[in-house]
C-alpha atoms as a PDB file:
ATOM      1  CA  UNK A   1      20.963 -29.794  31.082  1.00  0.00           C
ATOM      2  CA  UNK A   2      22.717 -26.470  30.632  1.00  0.00           C
ATOM      3  CA  UNK A   3      20.451 -23.452  30.335  1.00  0.00           C
ATOM      4  CA  UNK A   4      20.301 -21.295  27.234  1.00  0.00           C
ATOM      5  CA  UNK A   5      22.267 -18.127  27.957  1.00  0.00           C
ATOM      6  CA  UNK A   6      21.558 -14.712  26.467  1.00  0.00           C
ATOM      7  CA  UNK A   7      24.076 -14.894  23.587  1.00  0.00           C
ATOM      8  CA  UNK A   8      22.744 -18.275  22.459  1.00  0.00           C
ATOM      9  CA  UNK A   9      19.156 -17.082  22.813  1.00  0.00           C
ATOM     10  CA  UNK A  10      20.040 -14.087  20.611  1.00  0.00           C
ATOM     11  CA  UNK A  11      21.609 -16.402  18.053  1.00  0.00           C
ATOM     12  CA  UNK A  12      18.647 -18.795  17.894  1.00  0.00           C
ATOM     13  CA  UNK A  13      15.995 -16.062  17.717  1.00  0.00           C
ATOM     14  CA  UNK A  14      17.912 -13.998  15.142  1.00  0.00           C
ATOM     15  CA  UNK A  15      18.721 -17.094  13.077  1.00  0.00           C
ATOM     16  CA  UNK A  16      15.024 -17.955  12.866  1.00  0.00           C
ATOM     17  CA  UNK A  17      14.084 -14.333  12.061  1.00  0.00           C
ATOM     18  CA  UNK A  18      16.751 -14.089   9.340  1.00  0.00           C
ATOM     19  CA  UNK A  19      15.566 -17.286   7.688  1.00  0.00           C
ATOM     20  CA  UNK A  20      11.949 -16.125   7.782  1.00  0.00           C
ATOM     21  CA  UNK A  21      13.015 -12.973   5.922  1.00  0.00           C
ATOM     22  CA  UNK A  22      14.949 -14.992   3.336  1.00  0.00           C
ATOM     23  CA  UNK A  23      12.101 -17.476   2.969  1.00  0.00           C
ATOM     24  CA  UNK A  24       9.570 -14.702   2.358  1.00  0.00           C
ATOM     25  CA  UNK A  25      11.892 -13.290  -0.311  1.00  0.00           C
ATOM     26  CA  UNK A  26      12.703 -16.689  -1.838  1.00  0.00           C
ATOM     27  CA  UNK A  27      12.990 -16.362  -5.602  1.00  0.00           C
ATOM     28  CA  UNK A  28      13.922 -12.673  -5.496  1.00  0.00           C
ATOM     29  CA  UNK A  29      17.542 -13.481  -6.279  1.00  0.00           C
ATOM     30  CA  UNK A  30      18.353 -10.000  -7.560  1.00  0.00           C
ATOM     31  CA  UNK A  31      18.029  -8.552  -4.051  1.00  0.00           C
ATOM     32  CA  UNK A  32      19.743 -11.404  -2.204  1.00  0.00           C
ATOM     33  CA  UNK A  33      22.972  -9.429  -1.697  1.00  0.00           C
ATOM     34  CA  UNK A  34      21.069  -6.551  -0.126  1.00  0.00           C
ATOM     35  CA  UNK A  35      19.137  -8.922   2.141  1.00  0.00           C
ATOM     36  CA  UNK A  36      22.184 -10.928   3.175  1.00  0.00           C
ATOM     37  CA  UNK A  37      24.268  -7.799   3.737  1.00  0.00           C
ATOM     38  CA  UNK A  38      21.562  -6.236   5.891  1.00  0.00           C
ATOM     39  CA  UNK A  39      21.126  -9.441   7.866  1.00  0.00           C
ATOM     40  CA  UNK A  40      24.843  -9.796   8.560  1.00  0.00           C
ATOM     41  CA  UNK A  41      25.224  -6.143   9.520  1.00  0.00           C
ATOM     42  CA  UNK A  42      22.386  -6.618  12.013  1.00  0.00           C
ATOM     43  CA  UNK A  43      24.064  -9.829  13.159  1.00  0.00           C
ATOM     44  CA  UNK A  44      27.112  -7.691  13.934  1.00  0.00           C
ATOM     45  CA  UNK A  45      25.385  -6.901  17.225  1.00  0.00           C
ATOM     46  CA  UNK A  46      26.934 -10.213  18.272  1.00  0.00           C
ATOM     47  CA  UNK A  47      29.966  -8.083  19.108  1.00  0.00           C
ATOM     48  CA  UNK A  48      28.124  -7.200  22.315  1.00  0.00           C
ATOM     49  CA  UNK A  49      28.606 -10.809  23.422  1.00  0.00           C
ATOM     50  CA  UNK A  50      32.132 -11.224  22.054  1.00  0.00           C
ATOM     51  CA  UNK A  51      34.861 -12.124  24.522  1.00  0.00           C
ATOM     52  CA  UNK A  52      38.374 -12.945  23.514  1.00  0.00           C
ATOM     53  CA  UNK A  53      39.175 -16.593  24.052  1.00  0.00           C
ATOM     54  CA  UNK A  54      41.991 -16.837  26.593  1.00  0.00           C
ATOM     55  CA  UNK A  55      43.355 -19.900  24.784  1.00  0.00           C
ATOM     56  CA  UNK A  56      43.615 -18.084  21.448  1.00  0.00           C
ATOM     57  CA  UNK A  57      46.862 -18.011  19.495  1.00  0.00           C
ATOM     58  CA  UNK A  58      48.875 -14.842  19.046  1.00  0.00           C
ATOM     59  CA  UNK A  59      47.513 -12.481  16.419  1.00  0.00           C
ATOM     60  CA  UNK A  60      50.408 -12.941  13.966  1.00  0.00           C
ATOM     61  CA  UNK A  61      50.067 -16.721  14.216  1.00  0.00           C
ATOM     62  CA  UNK A  62      46.329 -16.414  13.663  1.00  0.00           C
ATOM     63  CA  UNK A  63      46.849 -14.251  10.580  1.00  0.00           C
ATOM     64  CA  UNK A  64      49.441 -16.693   9.216  1.00  0.00           C
ATOM     65  CA  UNK A  65      46.986 -19.582   9.639  1.00  0.00           C
ATOM     66  CA  UNK A  66      44.387 -17.400   7.919  1.00  0.00           C
ATOM     67  CA  UNK A  67      46.693 -16.933   4.924  1.00  0.00           C
ATOM     68  CA  UNK A  68      47.245 -20.682   4.625  1.00  0.00           C
ATOM     69  CA  UNK A  69      43.519 -21.339   5.022  1.00  0.00           C
ATOM     70  CA  UNK A  70      42.788 -18.801   2.278  1.00  0.00           C
ATOM     71  CA  UNK A  71      45.001 -20.736  -0.135  1.00  0.00           C
ATOM     72  CA  UNK A  72      43.208 -23.962   0.832  1.00  0.00           C
ATOM     73  CA  UNK A  73      39.854 -22.303   0.085  1.00  0.00           C
ATOM     74  CA  UNK A  74      41.086 -21.391  -3.394  1.00  0.00           C
ATOM     75  CA  UNK A  75      42.190 -24.993  -3.971  1.00  0.00           C
ATOM     76  CA  UNK A  76      38.732 -26.168  -2.894  1.00  0.00           C
ATOM     77  CA  UNK A  77      37.183 -23.810  -5.452  1.00  0.00           C
ATOM     78  CA  UNK A  78      39.483 -25.248  -8.133  1.00  0.00           C
ATOM     79  CA  UNK A  79      38.464 -28.809  -7.233  1.00  0.00           C
ATOM     80  CA  UNK A  80      34.767 -27.906  -7.276  1.00  0.00           C
ATOM     81  CA  UNK A  81      35.170 -26.104 -10.617  1.00  0.00           C
ATOM     82  CA  UNK A  82      36.473 -29.385 -12.077  1.00  0.00           C
ATOM     83  CA  UNK A  83      33.383 -31.159 -10.746  1.00  0.00           C
ATOM     84  CA  UNK A  84      30.782 -28.659 -11.963  1.00  0.00           C
ATOM     85  CA  UNK A  85      30.607 -25.648 -14.243  1.00  0.00           C
ATOM     86  CA  UNK A  86      28.454 -23.915 -11.618  1.00  0.00           C
ATOM     87  CA  UNK A  87      31.561 -23.181  -9.564  1.00  0.00           C
ATOM     88  CA  UNK A  88      34.010 -21.930 -12.166  1.00  0.00           C
ATOM     89  CA  UNK A  89      35.207 -18.377 -11.612  1.00  0.00           C
ATOM     90  CA  UNK A  90      33.033 -16.989 -14.426  1.00  0.00           C
ATOM     91  CA  UNK A  91      29.986 -18.834 -13.111  1.00  0.00           C
ATOM     92  CA  UNK A  92      30.569 -17.424  -9.630  1.00  0.00           C
ATOM     93  CA  UNK A  93      30.831 -13.902 -11.062  1.00  0.00           C
ATOM     94  CA  UNK A  94      27.566 -14.434 -12.941  1.00  0.00           C
ATOM     95  CA  UNK A  95      25.989 -15.727  -9.729  1.00  0.00           C
ATOM     96  CA  UNK A  96      27.122 -12.599  -7.902  1.00  0.00           C
ATOM     97  CA  UNK A  97      25.489 -10.439 -10.580  1.00  0.00           C
ATOM     98  CA  UNK A  98      22.359 -12.535 -10.250  1.00  0.00           C
ATOM     99  CA  UNK A  99      22.244 -11.766  -6.521  1.00  0.00           C
ATOM    100  CA  UNK A 100      22.508  -8.011  -7.006  1.00  0.00           C
ATOM    101  CA  UNK A 101      26.268  -7.405  -6.957  1.00  0.00           C
ATOM    102  CA  UNK A 102      26.862  -4.988  -9.831  1.00  0.00           C
ATOM    103  CA  UNK A 103      29.590  -2.677  -8.544  1.00  0.00           C
ATOM    104  CA  UNK A 104      33.090  -3.067  -7.092  1.00  0.00           C
ATOM    105  CA  UNK A 105      32.099  -1.165  -3.947  1.00  0.00           C
ATOM    106  CA  UNK A 106      29.588  -3.913  -3.152  1.00  0.00           C
ATOM    107  CA  UNK A 107      32.375  -6.491  -3.198  1.00  0.00           C
ATOM    108  CA  UNK A 108      34.441  -4.192  -0.992  1.00  0.00           C
ATOM    109  CA  UNK A 109      31.563  -3.906   1.510  1.00  0.00           C
ATOM    110  CA  UNK A 110      31.253  -7.695   1.496  1.00  0.00           C
ATOM    111  CA  UNK A 111      34.956  -8.210   2.161  1.00  0.00           C
ATOM    112  CA  UNK A 112      35.400  -5.544   4.830  1.00  0.00           C
ATOM    113  CA  UNK A 113      32.074  -5.718   6.671  1.00  0.00           C
ATOM    114  CA  UNK A 114      29.783  -8.597   5.702  1.00  0.00           C
ATOM    115  CA  UNK A 115      32.276 -11.466   5.967  1.00  0.00           C
ATOM    116  CA  UNK A 116      33.637 -10.318   9.359  1.00  0.00           C
ATOM    117  CA  UNK A 117      30.066  -9.898  10.654  1.00  0.00           C
ATOM    118  CA  UNK A 118      29.194 -13.395   9.432  1.00  0.00           C
ATOM    119  CA  UNK A 119      32.207 -14.847  11.232  1.00  0.00           C
ATOM    120  CA  UNK A 120      31.556 -12.829  14.378  1.00  0.00           C
ATOM    121  CA  UNK A 121      27.942 -14.011  14.402  1.00  0.00           C
ATOM    122  CA  UNK A 122      28.853 -17.640  13.815  1.00  0.00           C
ATOM    123  CA  UNK A 123      32.010 -18.062  15.900  1.00  0.00           C
ATOM    124  CA  UNK A 124      31.622 -15.677  18.834  1.00  0.00           C
ATOM    125  CA  UNK A 125      28.346 -17.260  19.888  1.00  0.00           C
ATOM    126  CA  UNK A 126      27.449 -20.560  18.237  1.00  0.00           C
ATOM    127  CA  UNK A 127      30.884 -22.122  17.864  1.00  0.00           C
ATOM    128  CA  UNK A 128      31.937 -21.175  21.403  1.00  0.00           C
ATOM    129  CA  UNK A 129      28.655 -22.342  22.895  1.00  0.00           C
ATOM    130  CA  UNK A 130      28.831 -25.686  21.106  1.00  0.00           C
ATOM    131  CA  UNK A 131      32.397 -26.163  22.330  1.00  0.00           C
ATOM    132  CA  UNK A 132      31.269 -25.415  25.880  1.00  0.00           C
ATOM    133  CA  UNK A 133      28.367 -27.855  25.733  1.00  0.00           C
ATOM    134  CA  UNK A 134      29.820 -30.796  23.806  1.00  0.00           C
ATOM    135  CA  UNK A 135      33.598 -30.601  24.340  1.00  0.00           C
ATOM    136  CA  UNK A 136      34.125 -32.170  20.915  1.00  0.00           C
ATOM    137  CA  UNK A 137      35.603 -29.854  18.296  1.00  0.00           C
ATOM    138  CA  UNK A 138      34.244 -31.813  15.337  1.00  0.00           C
ATOM    139  CA  UNK A 139      30.637 -31.334  16.527  1.00  0.00           C
ATOM    140  CA  UNK A 140      31.079 -27.551  16.651  1.00  0.00           C
ATOM    141  CA  UNK A 141      32.797 -27.501  13.257  1.00  0.00           C
ATOM    142  CA  UNK A 142      30.116 -29.638  11.591  1.00  0.00           C
ATOM    143  CA  UNK A 143      27.102 -27.829  13.051  1.00  0.00           C
ATOM    144  CA  UNK A 144      28.549 -24.383  12.306  1.00  0.00           C
ATOM    145  CA  UNK A 145      29.245 -25.429   8.709  1.00  0.00           C
ATOM    146  CA  UNK A 146      25.652 -26.614   8.292  1.00  0.00           C
ATOM    147  CA  UNK A 147      24.216 -23.473   9.905  1.00  0.00           C
ATOM    148  CA  UNK A 148      26.380 -21.173   7.783  1.00  0.00           C
ATOM    149  CA  UNK A 149      25.544 -22.916   4.515  1.00  0.00           C
ATOM    150  CA  UNK A 150      21.787 -22.673   5.179  1.00  0.00           C
ATOM    151  CA  UNK A 151      21.947 -18.947   4.407  1.00  0.00           C
ATOM    152  CA  UNK A 152      22.685 -19.831   0.782  1.00  0.00           C
ATOM    153  CA  UNK A 153      19.925 -22.361   0.040  1.00  0.00           C
ATOM    154  CA  UNK A 154      17.746 -19.478  -1.141  1.00  0.00           C
ATOM    155  CA  UNK A 155      19.970 -19.091  -4.206  1.00  0.00           C
ATOM    156  CA  UNK A 156      18.580 -22.421  -5.496  1.00  0.00           C
ATOM    157  CA  UNK A 157      22.091 -23.566  -6.364  1.00  0.00           C
ATOM    158  CA  UNK A 158      22.915 -26.714  -4.391  1.00  0.00           C
ATOM    159  CA  UNK A 159      26.469 -26.882  -5.683  1.00  0.00           C
ATOM    160  CA  UNK A 160      27.070 -23.486  -4.097  1.00  0.00           C
ATOM    161  CA  UNK A 161      25.564 -24.686  -0.813  1.00  0.00           C
ATOM    162  CA  UNK A 162      27.861 -27.745  -0.896  1.00  0.00           C
ATOM    163  CA  UNK A 163      30.848 -25.529  -1.702  1.00  0.00           C
ATOM    164  CA  UNK A 164      30.062 -23.155   1.178  1.00  0.00           C
ATOM    165  CA  UNK A 165      29.625 -26.141   3.497  1.00  0.00           C
ATOM    166  CA  UNK A 166      33.058 -27.561   2.672  1.00  0.00           C
ATOM    167  CA  UNK A 167      34.676 -24.123   2.949  1.00  0.00           C
ATOM    168  CA  UNK A 168      33.034 -23.623   6.328  1.00  0.00           C
ATOM    169  CA  UNK A 169      34.398 -26.955   7.515  1.00  0.00           C
ATOM    170  CA  UNK A 170      37.901 -25.741   6.686  1.00  0.00           C
ATOM    171  CA  UNK A 171      37.235 -22.363   8.301  1.00  0.00           C
ATOM    172  CA  UNK A 172      35.875 -24.118  11.374  1.00  0.00           C
ATOM    173  CA  UNK A 173      39.061 -26.177  11.688  1.00  0.00           C
ATOM    174  CA  UNK A 174      41.205 -23.038  11.409  1.00  0.00           C
ATOM    175  CA  UNK A 175      39.103 -21.266  14.039  1.00  0.00           C
ATOM    176  CA  UNK A 176      39.304 -24.250  16.379  1.00  0.00           C
ATOM    177  CA  UNK A 177      43.097 -24.101  16.135  1.00  0.00           C
ATOM    178  CA  UNK A 178      43.565 -20.352  16.659  1.00  0.00           C
ATOM    179  CA  UNK A 179      40.370 -19.368  18.526  1.00  0.00           C
ATOM    180  CA  UNK A 180      40.307 -16.033  16.693  1.00  0.00           C
ATOM    181  CA  UNK A 181      37.790 -14.787  14.133  1.00  0.00           C
ATOM    182  CA  UNK A 182      40.680 -12.866  12.579  1.00  0.00           C
ATOM    183  CA  UNK A 183      41.822 -16.202  11.147  1.00  0.00           C
ATOM    184  CA  UNK A 184      38.591 -17.024   9.340  1.00  0.00           C
ATOM    185  CA  UNK A 185      38.103 -13.431   8.191  1.00  0.00           C
ATOM    186  CA  UNK A 186      41.623 -13.167   6.766  1.00  0.00           C
ATOM    187  CA  UNK A 187      41.213 -16.560   5.077  1.00  0.00           C
ATOM    188  CA  UNK A 188      38.119 -15.480   3.157  1.00  0.00           C
ATOM    189  CA  UNK A 189      39.597 -12.130   2.161  1.00  0.00           C
ATOM    190  CA  UNK A 190      42.807 -13.815   0.969  1.00  0.00           C
ATOM    191  CA  UNK A 191      40.814 -16.378  -1.049  1.00  0.00           C
ATOM    192  CA  UNK A 192      38.816 -13.669  -2.824  1.00  0.00           C
ATOM    193  CA  UNK A 193      41.923 -11.576  -3.501  1.00  0.00           C
ATOM    194  CA  UNK A 194      43.788 -14.575  -4.963  1.00  0.00           C
ATOM    195  CA  UNK A 195      40.852 -15.379  -7.246  1.00  0.00           C
ATOM    196  CA  UNK A 196      40.679 -11.757  -8.398  1.00  0.00           C
ATOM    197  CA  UNK A 197      44.419 -11.646  -9.064  1.00  0.00           C
ATOM    198  CA  UNK A 198      44.410 -14.790 -11.191  1.00  0.00           C
ATOM    199  CA  UNK A 199      41.099 -14.190 -12.952  1.00  0.00           C
ATOM    200  CA  UNK A 200      40.439 -10.450 -12.703  1.00  0.00           C
END
């Protein structure tokens, strides 16, 4: 059995610590954004363990795949909005307000810092380590999607958890293809920008 290396040990211990914090604050939805933002900024220390994958695609290719993935994420949101009112654009905006997002600068911080930190935390350690241990891409994609979506169970909105899970599956596929976190980061930024353009 392969030993647990330092990056994976950091991921496991920080993941447990982050969930303890969120569990203690369960029900305090109005400060969720602050908690999640703080957690992901701390998780940004994962950059210490980041190493560029030698099999990664060229940056322009990775960005192009990110753009396509962003459009797919928007289509997923549209499909989910037809299934439940909890995931319409207006409902998502209300949910953001409920979690403590009141100003445009908070959304900007989320786009430019929080999302990249989330992807760095998830992909640079967990996804790579799962690939190394199991050699089956679908296992890494599935586990990472589950792990990522667990951060949102504290919102008490299971449709949102399901939506995040499906989005993370798509992001995991795009990452597996390009091996760059630029792809998944661009995809999420593009998805948010498209939604703002059409609904803002």
